[in-house]
Amino acid sequence: MQSIVKVEFLSSGETKEVSREDAQKILHDTYNDAHGGLVIDGTTNRVIHQLSSDVEYIFILEKFIDGG
């Protein structure tokens, strides 16, 4: 059975459930975005840089650095 991760985008309020592979891609894209961003483990409330096997829920804080 494929592992599912719940992802909440704090800037838009959107929440979705995605595969662990898609969640890893979202995490990667967040940290590679020109405006920056943070990924937070929803259980521990700690900033994470990798998606470990015990992470089930993440918050995405997008556009951490805003020029406007």
C-alpha atoms as a PDB file:
ATOM      1  CA  MET A   1       0.000   0.000   0.000  1.00  0.00           C
ATOM      2  CA  GLN A   2       1.276   3.445  -0.913  1.00  0.00           C
ATOM      3  CA  SER A   3       2.032   5.833   1.935  1.00  0.00           C
ATOM      4  CA  ILE A   4       0.034   9.093   1.960  1.00  0.00           C
ATOM      5  CA  VAL A   5       1.174  12.448   3.355  1.00  0.00           C
ATOM      6  CA  LYS A   6      -1.226  15.262   4.174  1.00  0.00           C
ATOM      7  CA  VAL A   7       0.093  18.604   2.903  1.00  0.00           C
ATOM      8  CA  GLU A   8      -1.267  21.995   4.006  1.00  0.00           C
ATOM      9  CA  PHE A   9      -0.227  25.157   2.168  1.00  0.00           C
ATOM     10  CA  LEU A  10      -0.457  27.906   4.786  1.00  0.00           C
ATOM     11  CA  SER A  11      -0.520  30.789   2.301  1.00  0.00           C
ATOM     12  CA  SER A  12      -3.631  29.500   0.516  1.00  0.00           C
ATOM     13  CA  GLY A  13      -5.204  27.292   3.161  1.00  0.00           C
ATOM     14  CA  GLU A  14      -5.302  24.426   0.652  1.00  0.00           C
ATOM     15  CA  THR A  15      -4.909  20.926   2.075  1.00  0.00           C
ATOM     16  CA  LYS A  16      -4.411  17.784   0.039  1.00  0.00           C
ATOM     17  CA  GLU A  17      -3.301  14.210   0.472  1.00  0.00           C
ATOM     18  CA  VAL A  18      -0.474  13.101  -1.802  1.00  0.00           C
ATOM     19  CA  SER A  19       1.876  10.166  -2.205  1.00  0.00           C
ATOM     20  CA  ARG A  20       5.117  10.244  -0.241  1.00  0.00           C
ATOM     21  CA  GLU A  21       6.951  10.715  -3.547  1.00  0.00           C
ATOM     22  CA  ASP A  22       4.839  13.783  -4.421  1.00  0.00           C
ATOM     23  CA  ALA A  23       5.301  15.171  -0.903  1.00  0.00           C
ATOM     24  CA  GLN A  24       9.077  14.851  -1.307  1.00  0.00           C
ATOM     25  CA  LYS A  25       8.822  16.754  -4.604  1.00  0.00           C
ATOM     26  CA  ILE A  26       6.764  19.511  -2.925  1.00  0.00           C
ATOM     27  CA  LEU A  27       9.392  19.737  -0.162  1.00  0.00           C
ATOM     28  CA  HIS A  28      12.192  19.937  -2.739  1.00  0.00           C
ATOM     29  CA  ASP A  29      10.345  22.557  -4.809  1.00  0.00           C
ATOM     30  CA  THR A  30       9.627  24.666  -1.714  1.00  0.00           C
ATOM     31  CA  TYR A  31      13.301  24.905  -0.794  1.00  0.00           C
ATOM     32  CA  ASN A  32      14.334  25.580  -4.397  1.00  0.00           C
ATOM     33  CA  ASP A  33      11.817  28.385  -4.952  1.00  0.00           C
ATOM     34  CA  ALA A  34      13.396  31.805  -5.495  1.00  0.00           C
ATOM     35  CA  HIS A  35      11.167  33.348  -2.794  1.00  0.00           C
ATOM     36  CA  GLY A  36      12.082  30.743  -0.242  1.00  0.00           C
ATOM     37  CA  GLY A  37       9.824  28.706   1.957  1.00  0.00           C
ATOM     38  CA  LEU A  38       9.733  26.398   4.942  1.00  0.00           C
ATOM     39  CA  VAL A  39       8.453  22.874   5.408  1.00  0.00           C
ATOM     40  CA  ILE A  40       7.201  22.015   8.892  1.00  0.00           C
ATOM     41  CA  ASP A  41       6.445  18.549  10.277  1.00  0.00           C
ATOM     42  CA  GLY A  42       2.813  18.751  11.405  1.00  0.00           C
ATOM     43  CA  THR A  43       3.401  16.374  14.311  1.00  0.00           C
ATOM     44  CA  THR A  44       6.582  17.806  15.828  1.00  0.00           C
ATOM     45  CA  ASN A  45       6.154  21.406  14.575  1.00  0.00           C
ATOM     46  CA  ARG A  46       9.818  21.396  13.563  1.00  0.00           C
ATOM     47  CA  VAL A  47      11.265  22.635  10.289  1.00  0.00           C
ATOM     48  CA  ILE A  48      12.349  19.670   8.181  1.00  0.00           C
ATOM     49  CA  HIS A  49      14.617  19.372   5.153  1.00  0.00           C
ATOM     50  CA  GLN A  50      13.936  15.704   4.402  1.00  0.00           C
ATOM     51  CA  LEU A  51      10.795  13.629   4.491  1.00  0.00           C
ATOM     52  CA  SER A  52      11.464  10.775   6.909  1.00  0.00           C
ATOM     53  CA  SER A  53       9.292   7.666   6.954  1.00  0.00           C
ATOM     54  CA  ASP A  54       7.413   8.750  10.106  1.00  0.00           C
ATOM     55  CA  VAL A  55       6.213  12.100   8.700  1.00  0.00           C
ATOM     56  CA  GLU A  56       2.482  11.972   7.940  1.00  0.00           C
ATOM     57  CA  TYR A  57       1.535  15.660   7.824  1.00  0.00           C
ATOM     58  CA  ILE A  58       3.468  18.720   6.643  1.00  0.00           C
ATOM     59  CA  PHE A  59       2.817  22.445   6.513  1.00  0.00           C
ATOM     60  CA  ILE A  60       4.255  24.471   3.652  1.00  0.00           C
ATOM     61  CA  LEU A  61       5.040  28.124   4.359  1.00  0.00           C
ATOM     62  CA  GLU A  62       5.534  29.523   0.881  1.00  0.00           C
ATOM     63  CA  LYS A  63       7.146  32.784  -0.210  1.00  0.00           C
ATOM     64  CA  PHE A  64       8.971  33.242   3.036  1.00  0.00           C
ATOM     65  CA  ILE A  65      11.001  36.032   1.418  1.00  0.00           C
ATOM     66  CA  ASP A  66       8.810  38.570  -0.346  1.00  0.00           C
ATOM     67  CA  GLY A  67      10.124  41.506  -2.297  1.00  0.00           C
ATOM     68  CA  GLY A  68       6.857  43.431  -2.253  1.00  0.00           C
END
